[in-house]
């Protein structure tokens, strides 16, 4: 009796995962930039007035990074589930 082999080849899903990595890299770069601005604002008096808005931006970027990491973990789970079948 021949073995049944299931091959999952969904190029769209792999491309989507690649896009998730690119988005995550951009978000991490922006988050690092905003944290640098916050540290610089502590030293400079000119930006100190807008520090609250910059902190809110940092929190939003951090939440987006967490969401993106969750999406990447889900993408890996779909890939593994497909290989098992």
N, C-alpha and C. Protein backbone atom coordinates (compact mmCIF):
# COMPACT_ATOMS: atom_id res chain seq x y z
N UNK A 1 0.83 -1.17 0.00
CA UNK A 1 0.00 0.00 0.00
C UNK A 1 0.89 1.25 0.00
N UNK A 2 0.53 2.21 -0.80
CA UNK A 2 1.33 3.43 -0.91
C UNK A 2 0.99 4.40 0.22
N UNK A 3 1.99 5.15 0.64
CA UNK A 3 1.78 6.16 1.67
C UNK A 3 1.13 7.39 1.06
N UNK A 4 0.27 8.00 1.83
CA UNK A 4 -0.36 9.24 1.37
C UNK A 4 0.50 10.41 1.84
N UNK A 5 0.81 11.27 0.93
CA UNK A 5 1.64 12.43 1.24
C UNK A 5 0.83 13.69 0.91
N UNK A 6 0.78 14.58 1.86
CA UNK A 6 0.11 15.85 1.65
C UNK A 6 1.17 16.94 1.58
N UNK A 7 1.17 17.67 0.50
CA UNK A 7 2.14 18.75 0.33
C UNK A 7 1.37 20.06 0.35
N UNK A 8 1.72 20.92 1.28
CA UNK A 8 1.10 22.24 1.35
C UNK A 8 2.03 23.24 0.71
N UNK A 9 1.58 23.83 -0.34
CA UNK A 9 2.41 24.83 -1.02
C UNK A 9 1.56 26.06 -1.25
N UNK A 10 1.56 26.92 -0.27
CA UNK A 10 0.77 28.14 -0.36
C UNK A 10 1.73 29.32 -0.39
N UNK A 11 2.04 29.77 -1.59
CA UNK A 11 3.03 30.83 -1.72
C UNK A 11 2.54 32.15 -1.13
N UNK A 12 1.23 32.37 -1.15
CA UNK A 12 0.71 33.62 -0.60
C UNK A 12 0.98 33.70 0.90
N UNK A 13 0.83 32.57 1.60
CA UNK A 13 1.07 32.57 3.05
C UNK A 13 2.54 32.86 3.36
N UNK A 14 3.46 32.27 2.59
CA UNK A 14 4.88 32.51 2.81
C UNK A 14 5.23 33.97 2.54
N UNK A 15 4.63 34.54 1.52
CA UNK A 15 4.88 35.94 1.20
C UNK A 15 4.34 36.84 2.31
N UNK A 16 3.18 36.44 2.85
CA UNK A 16 2.59 37.22 3.95
C UNK A 16 3.49 37.18 5.17
N UNK A 17 4.08 36.03 5.44
CA UNK A 17 4.98 35.92 6.58
C UNK A 17 6.21 36.79 6.37
N UNK A 18 6.71 36.86 5.15
CA UNK A 18 7.86 37.70 4.86
C UNK A 18 7.50 39.17 5.09
N UNK A 19 6.31 39.54 4.67
CA UNK A 19 5.86 40.92 4.89
C UNK A 19 5.75 41.22 6.39
N UNK A 20 5.31 40.23 7.17
CA UNK A 20 5.23 40.43 8.61
C UNK A 20 6.60 40.70 9.21
N UNK A 21 7.62 40.03 8.72
CA UNK A 21 8.98 40.27 9.22
C UNK A 21 9.46 41.67 8.87
N UNK A 22 9.14 42.12 7.66
CA UNK A 22 9.55 43.47 7.24
C UNK A 22 8.83 44.52 8.09
N UNK A 23 7.53 44.31 8.31
CA UNK A 23 6.76 45.24 9.14
C UNK A 23 7.32 45.28 10.56
N UNK A 24 7.67 44.10 11.09
CA UNK A 24 8.23 44.04 12.44
C UNK A 24 9.56 44.79 12.51
N UNK A 25 10.39 44.65 11.50
CA UNK A 25 11.68 45.35 11.49
C UNK A 25 11.49 46.86 11.46
N UNK A 26 10.53 47.33 10.67
CA UNK A 26 10.26 48.77 10.60
C UNK A 26 9.72 49.28 11.93
N UNK A 27 8.81 48.52 12.54
CA UNK A 27 8.26 48.94 13.84
C UNK A 27 9.33 48.99 14.92
N UNK A 28 10.22 48.02 14.93
CA UNK A 28 11.30 48.02 15.93
C UNK A 28 12.23 49.21 15.70
N UNK A 29 12.51 49.51 14.44
CA UNK A 29 13.36 50.67 14.15
C UNK A 29 12.69 51.97 14.60
N UNK A 30 11.40 52.12 14.33
CA UNK A 30 10.69 53.32 14.77
C UNK A 30 10.62 53.41 16.29
N UNK A 31 10.39 52.26 16.94
CA UNK A 31 10.34 52.25 18.40
C UNK A 31 11.68 52.66 19.00
N UNK A 32 12.76 52.16 18.42
CA UNK A 32 14.10 52.54 18.88
C UNK A 32 14.34 54.03 18.69
N UNK A 33 13.89 54.57 17.56
CA UNK A 33 14.05 55.99 17.30
C UNK A 33 13.27 56.82 18.32
N UNK A 34 12.04 56.40 18.62
CA UNK A 34 11.22 57.15 19.57
C UNK A 34 11.81 57.08 20.97
N UNK A 35 12.33 55.93 21.37
CA UNK A 35 12.98 55.81 22.67
C UNK A 35 14.21 56.73 22.73
N UNK A 36 14.94 56.81 21.63
CA UNK A 36 16.07 57.74 21.57
C UNK A 36 15.63 59.19 21.70
N UNK A 37 14.51 59.52 21.09
CA UNK A 37 13.97 60.88 21.21
C UNK A 37 13.56 61.18 22.65
N UNK A 38 12.96 60.18 23.31
CA UNK A 38 12.56 60.37 24.71
C UNK A 38 13.78 60.60 25.59
N UNK A 39 14.83 59.83 25.37
CA UNK A 39 16.06 60.01 26.15
C UNK A 39 16.68 61.38 25.86
N UNK A 40 16.65 61.77 24.57
CA UNK A 40 17.17 63.08 24.21
C UNK A 40 16.33 64.21 24.78
N UNK A 41 15.03 63.99 24.90
CA UNK A 41 14.15 65.02 25.45
C UNK A 41 14.42 65.25 26.92
N UNK A 42 14.87 64.24 27.60
CA UNK A 42 15.20 64.42 29.02
C UNK A 42 16.37 65.37 29.17
N UNK A 43 17.22 65.40 28.17
CA UNK A 43 18.39 66.28 28.21
C UNK A 43 18.05 67.67 27.68
N UNK A 44 17.22 67.74 26.64
CA UNK A 44 16.90 69.01 25.99
C UNK A 44 15.59 69.59 26.52
N UNK A 45 15.55 70.86 26.71
CA UNK A 45 14.34 71.53 27.18
C UNK A 45 13.37 71.83 26.03
N UNK A 46 13.84 71.86 24.81
CA UNK A 46 12.99 72.22 23.68
C UNK A 46 11.92 71.17 23.41
N UNK A 47 12.26 69.91 23.52
CA UNK A 47 11.32 68.83 23.21
C UNK A 47 10.53 68.42 24.46
N UNK A 48 10.93 68.90 25.60
CA UNK A 48 10.32 68.48 26.86
C UNK A 48 8.83 68.76 26.91
N UNK A 49 8.36 69.79 26.22
CA UNK A 49 6.94 70.12 26.20
C UNK A 49 6.11 69.08 25.48
N UNK A 50 6.67 68.44 24.47
CA UNK A 50 5.94 67.43 23.70
C UNK A 50 6.28 66.02 24.14
N UNK A 51 6.86 65.88 25.32
CA UNK A 51 7.30 64.56 25.79
C UNK A 51 6.14 63.60 25.97
N UNK A 52 4.99 64.10 26.42
CA UNK A 52 3.83 63.23 26.63
C UNK A 52 3.37 62.60 25.31
N UNK A 53 3.34 63.37 24.25
CA UNK A 53 2.93 62.85 22.95
C UNK A 53 3.93 61.82 22.43
N UNK A 54 5.19 62.04 22.68
CA UNK A 54 6.22 61.10 22.24
C UNK A 54 6.13 59.80 23.03
N UNK A 55 5.81 59.88 24.31
CA UNK A 55 5.65 58.67 25.13
C UNK A 55 4.44 57.87 24.65
N UNK A 56 3.35 58.55 24.30
CA UNK A 56 2.18 57.86 23.76
C UNK A 56 2.53 57.17 22.45
N UNK A 57 3.30 57.83 21.61
CA UNK A 57 3.75 57.21 20.36
C UNK A 57 4.59 55.96 20.64
N UNK A 58 5.44 56.02 21.63
CA UNK A 58 6.27 54.86 21.98
C UNK A 58 5.40 53.70 22.46
N UNK A 59 4.38 53.99 23.24
CA UNK A 59 3.49 52.94 23.72
C UNK A 59 2.72 52.31 22.56
N UNK A 60 2.24 53.12 21.65
CA UNK A 60 1.51 52.60 20.49
C UNK A 60 2.42 51.72 19.63
N UNK A 61 3.65 52.17 19.40
CA UNK A 61 4.59 51.36 18.62
C UNK A 61 4.90 50.04 19.33
N UNK A 62 5.02 50.08 20.65
CA UNK A 62 5.29 48.86 21.41
C UNK A 62 4.13 47.87 21.29
N UNK A 63 2.91 48.36 21.35
CA UNK A 63 1.74 47.50 21.19
C UNK A 63 1.70 46.90 19.78
N UNK A 64 2.02 47.70 18.78
CA UNK A 64 2.07 47.18 17.41
C UNK A 64 3.14 46.12 17.24
N UNK A 65 4.29 46.29 17.92
CA UNK A 65 5.34 45.27 17.87
C UNK A 65 4.85 43.97 18.49
N UNK A 66 4.16 44.05 19.60
CA UNK A 66 3.62 42.85 20.25
C UNK A 66 2.61 42.15 19.34
N UNK A 67 1.73 42.91 18.70
CA UNK A 67 0.75 42.33 17.78
C UNK A 67 1.45 41.65 16.61
N UNK A 68 2.48 42.29 16.09
CA UNK A 68 3.21 41.72 14.95
C UNK A 68 3.92 40.43 15.34
N UNK A 69 4.48 40.37 16.54
CA UNK A 69 5.12 39.14 17.01
C UNK A 69 4.09 38.02 17.14
N UNK A 70 2.91 38.35 17.63
CA UNK A 70 1.84 37.34 17.73
C UNK A 70 1.46 36.84 16.34
N UNK A 71 1.37 37.73 15.36
CA UNK A 71 1.06 37.31 14.00
C UNK A 71 2.13 36.38 13.44
N UNK A 72 3.39 36.67 13.73
CA UNK A 72 4.47 35.81 13.25
C UNK A 72 4.41 34.43 13.90
N UNK A 73 4.08 34.38 15.18
CA UNK A 73 3.95 33.09 15.86
C UNK A 73 2.79 32.29 15.25
N UNK A 74 1.68 32.95 14.98
CA UNK A 74 0.54 32.27 14.34
C UNK A 74 0.90 31.77 12.95
N UNK A 75 1.68 32.55 12.23
CA UNK A 75 2.09 32.16 10.88
C UNK A 75 2.96 30.91 10.94
N UNK A 76 3.86 30.82 11.91
CA UNK A 76 4.71 29.63 12.05
C UNK A 76 3.87 28.42 12.42
N UNK A 77 2.85 28.60 13.26
CA UNK A 77 1.98 27.48 13.65
C UNK A 77 1.23 26.93 12.43
N UNK A 78 0.75 27.79 11.55
CA UNK A 78 0.06 27.33 10.35
C UNK A 78 1.00 26.52 9.47
N UNK A 79 2.25 26.96 9.38
CA UNK A 79 3.24 26.27 8.56
C UNK A 79 3.50 24.87 9.13
N UNK A 80 3.69 24.77 10.43
CA UNK A 80 3.95 23.49 11.07
C UNK A 80 2.75 22.55 10.95
N UNK A 81 1.56 23.09 11.12
CA UNK A 81 0.34 22.29 11.03
C UNK A 81 0.21 21.72 9.62
N UNK A 82 0.60 22.50 8.63
CA UNK A 82 0.52 22.07 7.24
C UNK A 82 1.52 20.95 6.97
N UNK A 83 2.71 21.04 7.56
CA UNK A 83 3.73 20.02 7.34
C UNK A 83 3.38 18.70 8.00
N UNK A 84 2.64 18.75 9.11
CA UNK A 84 2.27 17.53 9.83
C UNK A 84 1.26 16.70 9.07
N UNK A 85 0.37 17.37 8.36
CA UNK A 85 -0.72 16.64 7.70
C UNK A 85 -0.24 15.80 6.56
